N, C-alpha and C. Protein backbone atom coordinates (compact mmCIF):
# COMPACT_ATOMS: atom_id res chain seq x y z
N MET A 1 0.48 21.34 -6.04
CA MET A 1 0.07 20.36 -5.67
C MET A 1 0.69 18.96 -5.24
N SER A 2 1.56 19.47 -3.48
CA SER A 2 2.30 18.14 -2.74
C SER A 2 1.52 16.89 -3.22
N LYS A 3 1.82 15.56 -3.53
CA LYS A 3 1.77 14.10 -3.70
C LYS A 3 2.41 13.12 -2.36
N LEU A 4 2.65 11.94 -2.20
CA LEU A 4 2.77 10.94 -1.69
C LEU A 4 3.29 10.50 -1.87
N VAL A 5 5.01 9.63 -2.36
CA VAL A 5 4.85 8.44 -3.14
C VAL A 5 5.71 7.80 -2.53
N SER A 6 5.64 6.43 -2.40
CA SER A 6 5.35 5.14 -1.51
C SER A 6 6.58 4.01 -1.82
N ARG A 7 6.71 3.01 -1.05
CA ARG A 7 7.44 1.94 -1.56
C ARG A 7 7.51 1.25 -0.50
N LEU A 8 6.97 -0.16 -0.44
CA LEU A 8 7.34 -1.44 0.84
C LEU A 8 9.39 -1.67 1.00
N TYR A 9 9.95 -1.84 1.61
CA TYR A 9 10.59 -2.58 2.07
C TYR A 9 10.70 -3.87 2.68
N ARG A 10 11.38 -5.00 2.24
CA ARG A 10 11.17 -6.47 3.24
C ARG A 10 12.47 -5.88 4.41
N ASP A 11 13.17 -5.43 3.92
CA ASP A 11 14.30 -5.36 4.26
C ASP A 11 14.69 -3.91 4.89
N PRO A 12 14.99 -3.67 6.50
CA PRO A 12 15.21 -2.34 6.85
C PRO A 12 16.38 -1.72 6.57
N ALA A 13 17.77 -2.19 6.23
CA ALA A 13 18.44 -1.90 4.64
C ALA A 13 18.79 -1.15 4.43
N ASP A 14 17.74 -1.88 3.50
CA ASP A 14 17.25 -1.63 2.33
C ASP A 14 17.12 0.04 2.21
N ALA A 15 15.40 0.27 3.06
CA ALA A 15 14.20 1.57 3.07
C ALA A 15 16.00 1.97 3.82
N LYS A 16 16.80 2.05 4.73
CA LYS A 16 17.91 2.90 4.87
C LYS A 16 18.68 3.82 4.03
N GLN A 17 18.97 3.14 3.48
CA GLN A 17 20.36 3.15 1.25
C GLN A 17 18.68 4.49 0.79
N ALA A 18 17.71 4.13 0.86
CA ALA A 18 16.80 4.38 0.23
C ALA A 18 16.32 6.05 0.41
N VAL A 19 16.62 5.84 1.76
CA VAL A 19 15.95 7.72 2.67
C VAL A 19 17.89 8.50 2.19
N GLU A 20 18.78 7.47 2.45
CA GLU A 20 20.35 7.92 2.09
C GLU A 20 20.29 8.77 0.56
N HIS A 21 19.10 8.43 -0.22
CA HIS A 21 20.02 8.44 -0.82
C HIS A 21 18.89 9.12 -1.36
N LEU A 22 17.83 9.72 -0.83
CA LEU A 22 17.32 10.62 -0.89
C LEU A 22 17.40 12.15 -0.66
N VAL A 23 18.61 11.62 0.78
CA VAL A 23 18.49 13.10 1.07
C VAL A 23 19.49 13.42 0.43
N ALA A 24 20.53 12.26 0.17
CA ALA A 24 21.36 12.65 -1.21
C ALA A 24 21.18 14.12 -2.26
N SER A 25 20.23 13.19 -2.64
CA SER A 25 19.71 13.57 -3.28
C SER A 25 19.10 15.66 -2.65
N GLY A 26 18.44 15.31 -1.98
CA GLY A 26 18.04 16.97 -1.87
C GLY A 26 16.84 16.43 -0.95
N TYR A 27 16.53 15.70 -0.44
CA TYR A 27 14.48 15.63 -0.56
C TYR A 27 15.36 16.00 1.55
N LYS A 28 14.61 16.62 1.55
CA LYS A 28 14.09 17.97 2.93
C LYS A 28 14.24 16.57 4.00
N ALA A 29 14.37 16.81 5.61
CA ALA A 29 13.64 15.44 6.36
C ALA A 29 11.76 15.41 6.50
N HIS A 30 11.79 16.95 6.60
CA HIS A 30 10.36 16.99 6.97
C HIS A 30 10.11 16.74 5.72
N ASP A 31 10.22 16.35 4.32
CA ASP A 31 9.71 15.69 3.00
C ASP A 31 9.66 14.00 3.25
N ILE A 32 9.73 13.52 4.33
CA ILE A 32 10.77 11.73 4.66
C ILE A 32 9.61 11.00 5.13
N GLY A 33 8.93 10.31 4.79
CA GLY A 33 8.04 9.72 5.71
C GLY A 33 8.31 8.02 6.20
N ILE A 34 8.50 7.29 7.55
CA ILE A 34 8.69 6.08 7.41
C ILE A 34 7.40 5.48 8.22
N LEU A 35 7.13 4.41 7.89
CA LEU A 35 6.39 3.13 8.50
C LEU A 35 6.58 2.15 9.47
N ALA A 36 6.54 1.99 10.77
CA ALA A 36 7.70 0.97 11.00
C ALA A 36 7.49 0.00 11.60
N ARG A 37 7.03 -0.64 12.12
CA ARG A 37 6.26 -1.66 13.65
C ARG A 37 7.07 -1.47 15.20
N THR A 38 8.39 -0.78 14.51
CA THR A 38 9.27 -0.12 16.26
C THR A 38 9.60 1.05 15.85
N GLU A 39 9.83 2.16 16.87
CA GLU A 39 10.31 3.05 16.87
C GLU A 39 11.67 3.16 16.91
N ASP A 40 12.61 2.26 17.06
CA ASP A 40 13.56 1.54 16.56
C ASP A 40 14.57 1.31 15.61
N MET A 41 13.77 0.47 15.24
CA MET A 41 13.42 0.14 13.62
C MET A 41 13.34 1.11 12.52
N ALA A 42 12.71 2.44 13.18
CA ALA A 42 12.51 3.44 12.03
C ALA A 42 13.65 4.98 12.53
N ARG A 43 13.70 4.90 13.77
CA ARG A 43 15.19 5.15 13.87
C ARG A 43 16.50 4.99 13.12
N GLN A 44 16.49 3.42 13.31
CA GLN A 44 17.54 3.02 12.75
C GLN A 44 17.46 3.15 11.31
N VAL A 45 16.45 3.47 10.12
CA VAL A 45 16.50 3.82 9.03
C VAL A 45 17.00 4.90 8.07
N LEU A 46 16.04 6.23 9.27
CA LEU A 46 15.86 7.30 9.51
C LEU A 46 17.73 7.27 9.37
N GLY A 47 18.30 7.03 10.54
CA GLY A 47 19.57 7.25 11.35
C GLY A 47 19.97 8.22 11.42
N GLY A 48 21.26 9.19 11.31
CA GLY A 48 21.39 10.84 12.16
C GLY A 48 20.77 11.36 10.69
N LYS A 49 21.63 11.44 9.68
CA LYS A 49 21.30 11.61 8.42
C LYS A 49 19.96 13.17 8.32
N VAL A 50 18.62 12.55 9.35
CA VAL A 50 17.99 13.37 8.65
C VAL A 50 17.29 14.39 9.58
N GLY A 51 18.22 14.92 10.95
CA GLY A 51 17.27 14.86 12.29
C GLY A 51 16.59 14.83 13.03
N ASN A 52 16.19 15.93 13.59
CA ASN A 52 15.07 15.76 14.30
C ASN A 52 13.80 15.70 14.18
N ILE A 53 13.30 14.42 13.91
CA ILE A 53 12.43 13.59 13.68
C ILE A 53 11.28 13.16 14.93
N SER A 54 10.35 13.70 14.77
CA SER A 54 8.99 12.74 15.80
C SER A 54 8.44 11.38 15.41
N PHE A 55 8.04 10.95 16.35
CA PHE A 55 7.53 10.35 15.91
C PHE A 55 5.63 9.43 17.09
N HIS A 56 5.18 8.62 16.04
CA HIS A 56 3.63 8.83 16.71
C HIS A 56 3.00 7.51 16.01
N THR A 57 2.89 6.69 17.44
CA THR A 57 1.66 4.97 17.06
C THR A 57 0.75 5.74 16.64
N VAL A 58 0.66 5.06 16.36
CA VAL A 58 -0.63 4.44 14.76
C VAL A 58 -1.04 3.19 14.91
N ALA A 59 -2.32 2.71 14.40
CA ALA A 59 -2.77 1.23 15.08
C ALA A 59 -2.35 0.20 15.92
N GLU A 60 -1.96 1.23 16.31
CA GLU A 60 -1.32 0.34 18.30
C GLU A 60 -0.53 -0.94 18.00
N HIS A 61 0.10 -0.27 16.90
CA HIS A 61 1.11 -1.31 16.79
C HIS A 61 2.63 -1.17 15.74
N LEU A 62 2.39 0.46 14.96
CA LEU A 62 2.62 0.91 13.77
C LEU A 62 3.63 1.74 14.78
N VAL A 63 4.55 2.43 13.97
CA VAL A 63 4.94 3.86 14.65
C VAL A 63 5.41 4.78 12.97
N ALA A 64 4.83 6.04 13.16
CA ALA A 64 5.11 6.79 12.04
C ALA A 64 6.02 8.24 12.29
N ALA A 65 6.76 8.22 11.20
CA ALA A 65 7.98 9.25 11.17
C ALA A 65 7.76 10.07 10.21
N GLY A 66 7.80 11.72 10.55
CA GLY A 66 7.49 12.32 9.36
C GLY A 66 6.87 12.77 8.93
N CYS A 67 6.98 13.23 8.01
CA CYS A 67 5.77 13.46 7.27
C CYS A 67 4.40 13.19 7.20
N LEU A 68 4.31 11.32 7.40
CA LEU A 68 3.63 9.91 7.36
C LEU A 68 1.88 10.51 8.76
N ILE A 69 3.49 11.32 9.97
CA ILE A 69 1.74 11.63 11.25
C ILE A 69 0.78 12.82 11.19
N PRO A 70 0.92 13.59 10.41
CA PRO A 70 0.16 14.31 9.85
C PRO A 70 -1.01 13.74 8.93
N ALA A 71 -0.81 12.99 7.78
CA ALA A 71 -1.08 12.35 6.78
C ALA A 71 -2.27 11.02 7.72
N LEU A 72 -1.82 10.36 8.36
CA LEU A 72 -2.35 9.61 9.48
C LEU A 72 -3.51 9.86 10.03
N THR A 73 -3.13 10.97 10.77
CA THR A 73 -3.54 11.55 12.12
C THR A 73 -4.79 12.79 11.30
N ARG A 74 -4.67 13.11 10.17
CA ARG A 74 -5.49 13.76 10.37
C ARG A 74 -6.62 13.11 10.02
N LEU A 75 -7.41 11.88 9.87
CA LEU A 75 -8.36 11.22 9.46
C LEU A 75 -9.40 11.11 10.53
N PRO A 76 -10.56 11.64 10.64
CA PRO A 76 -11.77 10.83 11.31
C PRO A 76 -11.73 10.26 11.58
N GLY A 77 -11.99 9.98 12.92
CA GLY A 77 -12.88 8.25 12.85
C GLY A 77 -11.74 7.43 13.03
N GLN A 78 -12.50 5.86 12.63
CA GLN A 78 -10.97 4.98 13.29
C GLN A 78 -11.65 4.30 12.12
N ALA A 79 -11.17 3.52 10.98
CA ALA A 79 -12.07 2.60 10.17
C ALA A 79 -11.53 1.03 10.38
N SER A 80 -11.76 0.49 9.63
CA SER A 80 -12.39 -1.20 10.25
C SER A 80 -10.82 -1.70 9.67
N LYS A 81 -10.45 -1.22 8.91
CA LYS A 81 -8.84 -2.14 8.98
C LYS A 81 -8.03 -0.69 8.75
N PHE A 82 -6.40 -1.41 8.71
CA PHE A 82 -5.62 -0.61 8.56
C PHE A 82 -5.47 -0.14 7.55
N SER A 83 -5.47 -1.38 6.94
CA SER A 83 -5.50 -0.80 5.15
C SER A 83 -6.11 -0.12 4.26
N GLU A 84 -8.01 0.27 5.06
CA GLU A 84 -8.27 1.71 5.02
C GLU A 84 -7.78 2.98 5.03
N THR A 85 -7.39 3.53 6.07
CA THR A 85 -6.94 3.69 6.32
C THR A 85 -5.36 4.46 6.15
N LEU A 86 -4.58 3.64 5.30
CA LEU A 86 -2.98 3.84 4.25
C LEU A 86 -4.59 4.28 2.96
N LYS A 87 -5.35 3.13 2.13
CA LYS A 87 -5.54 3.92 1.41
C LYS A 87 -6.28 5.01 1.69
N GLU A 88 -6.45 5.67 2.88
CA GLU A 88 -7.31 7.35 2.16
C GLU A 88 -6.24 8.15 2.39
N ALA A 89 -4.67 7.58 3.41
CA ALA A 89 -4.45 8.31 3.48
C ALA A 89 -2.85 8.83 2.43
N LEU A 90 -2.82 7.59 2.10
CA LEU A 90 -0.81 7.54 0.25
C LEU A 90 -2.06 7.37 -0.29
N GLY A 91 -3.68 8.10 -0.94
CA GLY A 91 -4.11 7.12 -2.45
C GLY A 91 -3.90 6.87 -2.62
N VAL A 92 -4.08 5.15 -2.48
CA VAL A 92 -3.27 4.43 -3.40
C VAL A 92 -4.50 3.19 -2.86
N GLY A 93 -4.97 2.13 -4.25
CA GLY A 93 -6.23 1.83 -4.13
C GLY A 93 -5.91 0.98 -3.26
N GLN A 94 -7.32 0.03 -3.20
CA GLN A 94 -8.19 -1.78 -1.88
C GLN A 94 -6.35 -2.50 -1.47
N GLU A 95 -6.06 -2.65 -2.65
CA GLU A 95 -4.80 -3.82 -3.42
C GLU A 95 -3.61 -3.53 -2.18
N VAL A 96 -3.53 -2.11 -2.70
CA VAL A 96 -2.14 -2.03 -2.36
C VAL A 96 -2.30 -1.52 -0.67
N GLY A 97 -2.66 -1.48 -0.09
CA GLY A 97 -3.43 -0.84 1.07
C GLY A 97 -3.04 -2.39 1.65
N GLU A 98 -3.70 -2.85 1.12
CA GLU A 98 -3.61 -4.07 2.25
C GLU A 98 -1.90 -5.41 2.18
N TYR A 99 -1.57 -4.77 0.34
CA TYR A 99 -0.64 -4.58 0.56
C TYR A 99 0.81 -4.57 1.43
N TYR A 100 0.34 -3.81 1.90
CA TYR A 100 1.30 -2.75 2.55
C TYR A 100 1.09 -3.17 4.34
N GLU A 101 -0.14 -2.93 4.70
CA GLU A 101 -0.61 -3.69 5.74
C GLU A 101 0.60 -4.78 5.93
N PHE A 102 -0.36 -5.84 4.96
CA PHE A 102 0.45 -7.77 4.96
C PHE A 102 2.29 -7.09 5.00
N GLY A 103 2.84 -6.11 4.62
CA GLY A 103 4.62 -6.09 4.18
C GLY A 103 5.13 -5.82 5.69
N LEU A 104 3.82 -5.02 6.28
CA LEU A 104 4.68 -3.85 7.54
C LEU A 104 4.22 -5.34 8.50
N GLY A 105 3.57 -6.01 8.67
CA GLY A 105 3.40 -7.41 10.02
C GLY A 105 4.73 -8.19 9.74
N ALA A 106 4.96 -7.71 8.17
CA ALA A 106 5.70 -8.97 8.45
C ALA A 106 7.27 -7.76 8.50
N ASN A 107 7.31 -7.48 9.61
CA ASN A 107 8.62 -6.52 9.08
C ASN A 107 8.62 -5.24 8.36
N GLY A 108 8.39 -5.22 7.05
CA GLY A 108 8.06 -4.41 6.50
C GLY A 108 8.59 -3.17 7.02
N VAL A 109 8.84 -1.62 5.95
CA VAL A 109 9.11 -0.12 6.17
C VAL A 109 8.97 -0.56 5.00
N LEU A 110 7.59 0.67 5.18
CA LEU A 110 7.20 1.73 4.51
C LEU A 110 8.05 3.37 4.49
N VAL A 111 8.99 3.99 3.27
CA VAL A 111 8.64 5.04 2.62
C VAL A 111 8.20 5.72 2.26
N VAL A 112 7.50 7.25 2.55
CA VAL A 112 7.33 7.93 1.73
C VAL A 112 7.47 9.15 1.74
N VAL A 113 7.22 9.52 1.13
CA VAL A 113 8.04 11.59 0.46
C VAL A 113 7.14 11.99 -0.37
N GLN A 114 6.84 13.19 0.59
CA GLN A 114 6.64 14.34 0.02
C GLN A 114 7.14 15.37 -0.88
N THR A 115 6.37 15.42 -1.84
CA THR A 115 7.30 15.82 -3.47
C THR A 115 5.58 16.18 -4.06
N GLU A 116 6.45 17.71 -4.89
CA GLU A 116 5.24 17.73 -5.78
C GLU A 116 5.15 16.69 -7.58
N GLU A 117 4.19 16.69 -8.06
CA GLU A 117 4.17 16.13 -8.28
C GLU A 117 4.85 15.79 -10.33
N ALA A 118 4.79 17.14 -10.37
CA ALA A 118 6.49 17.19 -11.10
C ALA A 118 8.10 16.38 -11.06
N LYS A 119 8.45 16.33 -9.81
CA LYS A 119 9.30 15.42 -9.00
C LYS A 119 8.57 14.40 -8.65
N ALA A 120 7.44 13.79 -8.58
CA ALA A 120 7.40 12.70 -8.23
C ALA A 120 7.92 11.05 -8.99
N GLY A 121 8.32 11.48 -10.30
CA GLY A 121 9.49 10.40 -10.74
C GLY A 121 10.04 9.82 -10.97
N GLU A 122 11.23 10.91 -9.80
CA GLU A 122 12.49 11.15 -10.17
C GLU A 122 12.74 10.24 -8.58
N VAL A 123 11.68 11.28 -7.84
CA VAL A 123 11.65 10.34 -6.24
C VAL A 123 11.20 8.55 -6.79
N ARG A 124 10.20 8.13 -7.50
CA ARG A 124 10.11 6.44 -7.89
C ARG A 124 11.14 6.48 -8.48
N ALA A 125 12.09 6.60 -9.35
CA ALA A 125 13.16 6.19 -8.77
C ALA A 125 14.43 5.92 -8.37
N ILE A 126 13.81 7.16 -7.53
CA ILE A 126 15.34 6.61 -6.61
C ILE A 126 15.08 6.00 -5.41
N LEU A 127 13.23 5.87 -5.26
CA LEU A 127 13.01 4.97 -4.47
C LEU A 127 13.37 3.12 -4.59
N GLY A 128 13.20 3.10 -5.88
CA GLY A 128 13.19 2.03 -6.81
C GLY A 128 15.53 1.05 -7.15
N GLN A 129 16.01 2.48 -6.31
CA GLN A 129 17.31 1.99 -6.47
C GLN A 129 17.96 1.23 -5.53
N SER A 130 17.31 0.92 -4.35
CA SER A 130 17.55 -0.03 -2.91
C SER A 130 18.25 -1.71 -3.56
N ALA A 131 18.77 -1.24 -2.87
CA ALA A 131 19.29 -3.08 -3.09
C ALA A 131 18.81 -3.32 -2.93
N SER A 132 17.56 -4.11 -2.64
CA SER A 132 16.33 -5.79 -2.74
C SER A 132 16.21 -4.99 -4.17
N ALA A 133 15.84 -3.95 -5.69
CA ALA A 133 16.16 -4.80 -6.67
C ALA A 133 17.07 -6.26 -7.71
N ALA A 134 18.40 -5.05 -6.79
CA ALA A 134 19.48 -6.05 -8.00
C ALA A 134 19.72 -7.58 -6.94
N LYS A 135 19.10 -7.51 -5.98
CA LYS A 135 19.30 -8.40 -5.30
C LYS A 135 17.92 -9.49 -5.84
N VAL A 136 17.01 -9.66 -6.15
CA VAL A 136 15.54 -9.94 -7.18
C VAL A 136 15.70 -10.22 -8.34
N ALA A 137 17.11 -9.82 -9.27
CA ALA A 137 16.87 -10.49 -10.70
C ALA A 137 18.09 -11.01 -10.28
N GLY A 138 17.20 -12.11 -11.65
CA GLY A 138 18.17 -13.53 -11.66
C GLY A 138 18.55 -14.21 -11.10
N ASN A 139 18.02 -14.15 -9.71
CA ASN A 139 18.44 -15.42 -8.68
C ASN A 139 17.06 -16.93 -9.07
N SER A 140 17.81 -16.88 -9.17
CA SER A 140 16.17 -18.80 -8.36
C SER A 140 16.01 -18.09 -7.69
N SER A 141 15.24 -19.49 -7.31
CA SER A 141 14.69 -19.77 -5.75
C SER A 141 15.08 -20.63 -4.36
N PRO A 142 15.03 -19.58 -3.70
CA PRO A 142 16.45 -19.96 -3.02
C PRO A 142 15.64 -21.90 -2.12
N GLY A 143 14.48 -21.83 -2.17
CA GLY A 143 14.17 -23.73 -1.83
C GLY A 143 14.41 -24.28 -2.81
N PHE A 144 15.44 -23.92 -4.05
CA PHE A 144 15.22 -25.25 -4.59
C PHE A 144 16.63 -24.55 -5.31
N VAL A 145 17.35 -25.79 -6.04
CA VAL A 145 18.90 -25.52 -5.88
C VAL A 145 18.78 -25.38 -7.64
N LYS A 146 19.09 -25.06 -8.61
CA LYS A 146 19.26 -25.23 -9.88
C LYS A 146 19.47 -26.23 -10.58
N ALA A 147 18.33 -26.95 -11.23
CA ALA A 147 19.69 -27.70 -12.54
C ALA A 147 19.48 -27.92 -14.07
N GLY A 148 19.83 -28.67 -14.66
CA GLY A 148 20.47 -28.04 -15.98
C GLY A 148 18.98 -28.94 -15.72
N ARG A 149 18.85 -29.97 -15.83
CA ARG A 149 18.27 -31.27 -16.45
C ARG A 149 17.21 -31.23 -15.20
N MET A 150 16.10 -32.42 -15.19
CA MET A 150 14.93 -33.01 -13.84
C MET A 150 15.63 -33.88 -13.47
N SER A 151 16.24 -34.68 -14.16
CA SER A 151 16.43 -35.86 -13.58
C SER A 151 18.03 -36.24 -12.67
N SER A 152 18.96 -34.84 -12.44
CA SER A 152 19.79 -34.08 -12.02
C SER A 152 19.30 -34.36 -10.34
N THR A 153 18.33 -33.81 -10.02
CA THR A 153 17.78 -33.50 -9.10
C THR A 153 16.39 -34.87 -8.26
N ASN A 154 16.17 -35.17 -9.35
CA ASN A 154 14.56 -36.23 -8.99
C ASN A 154 15.32 -37.71 -9.47
N PRO A 155 15.69 -39.05 -8.45
CA PRO A 155 15.58 -40.06 -9.00
C PRO A 155 14.73 -40.33 -10.10
N VAL A 156 13.49 -40.52 -9.79
CA VAL A 156 12.99 -40.66 -10.03
C VAL A 156 12.53 -41.43 -11.22
N ASP A 157 13.42 -39.91 -12.00
CA ASP A 157 13.27 -39.19 -13.27
C ASP A 157 13.76 -39.55 -14.45
N ALA A 158 15.25 -40.13 -13.70
CA ALA A 158 16.96 -40.50 -14.07
C ALA A 158 16.16 -41.56 -15.92
N THR A 159 16.82 -41.91 -16.37
CA THR A 159 16.46 -42.76 -17.54
C THR A 159 16.61 -44.53 -16.79
N MET A 160 15.44 -45.06 -17.29
CA MET A 160 15.18 -46.49 -16.57
C MET A 160 15.70 -47.38 -17.75
N THR A 161 16.50 -48.51 -17.38
CA THR A 161 16.87 -49.02 -17.68
C THR A 161 16.49 -50.59 -18.83
N GLY A 162 15.24 -50.54 -18.39
CA GLY A 162 14.05 -51.66 -18.99
C GLY A 162 14.72 -52.89 -18.23
N ASP A 163 15.39 -52.75 -17.10
CA ASP A 163 14.19 -53.59 -15.69
C ASP A 163 13.70 -53.41 -14.86
N PHE A 164 12.69 -53.64 -14.93
CA PHE A 164 11.44 -52.58 -14.06
C PHE A 164 11.24 -52.87 -12.19
N ARG A 165 12.14 -54.16 -11.92
CA ARG A 165 12.39 -54.95 -10.88
C ARG A 165 13.29 -53.94 -10.03
N LYS A 166 13.86 -53.51 -10.21
CA LYS A 166 14.95 -52.20 -9.88
C LYS A 166 13.94 -51.46 -8.60
N TYR A 167 12.82 -50.49 -10.30
CA TYR A 167 11.78 -50.04 -10.10
C TYR A 167 11.22 -50.90 -8.53
């Protein structure tokens, strides 16, 4: 029985790298699906390695490619939210569907692979080898300077001298 394995990428370059890893691992073009905000972004992620893939507009603001087209268009009627459609098509929970919808709205790219259930773990491992996983590990927050102690970043917490008139 076939299974859809998915991963959302914030950076289209990471999604492209994941697709290249999938193709290098022997997965066929018709087994790989992309969901992105624009057709140009989807084409950029797929690159020339995947071959001739058709694109289809879904939910009036997203473009699907590959194995996602039948999964997203076979559902009868329109769901109230696109996250409901994703939930039904991909077989994920409600929270995951809402997360995917939010991520896609923020220019994320969803990569989906249709595979046998026995190879689902292998596909998850390939999708997890993206560059974003390496970037996140061990980094401090980009909004704050990493300091050795509190007083090095906040002068209010500096050692008091006893003369409170300075403060």
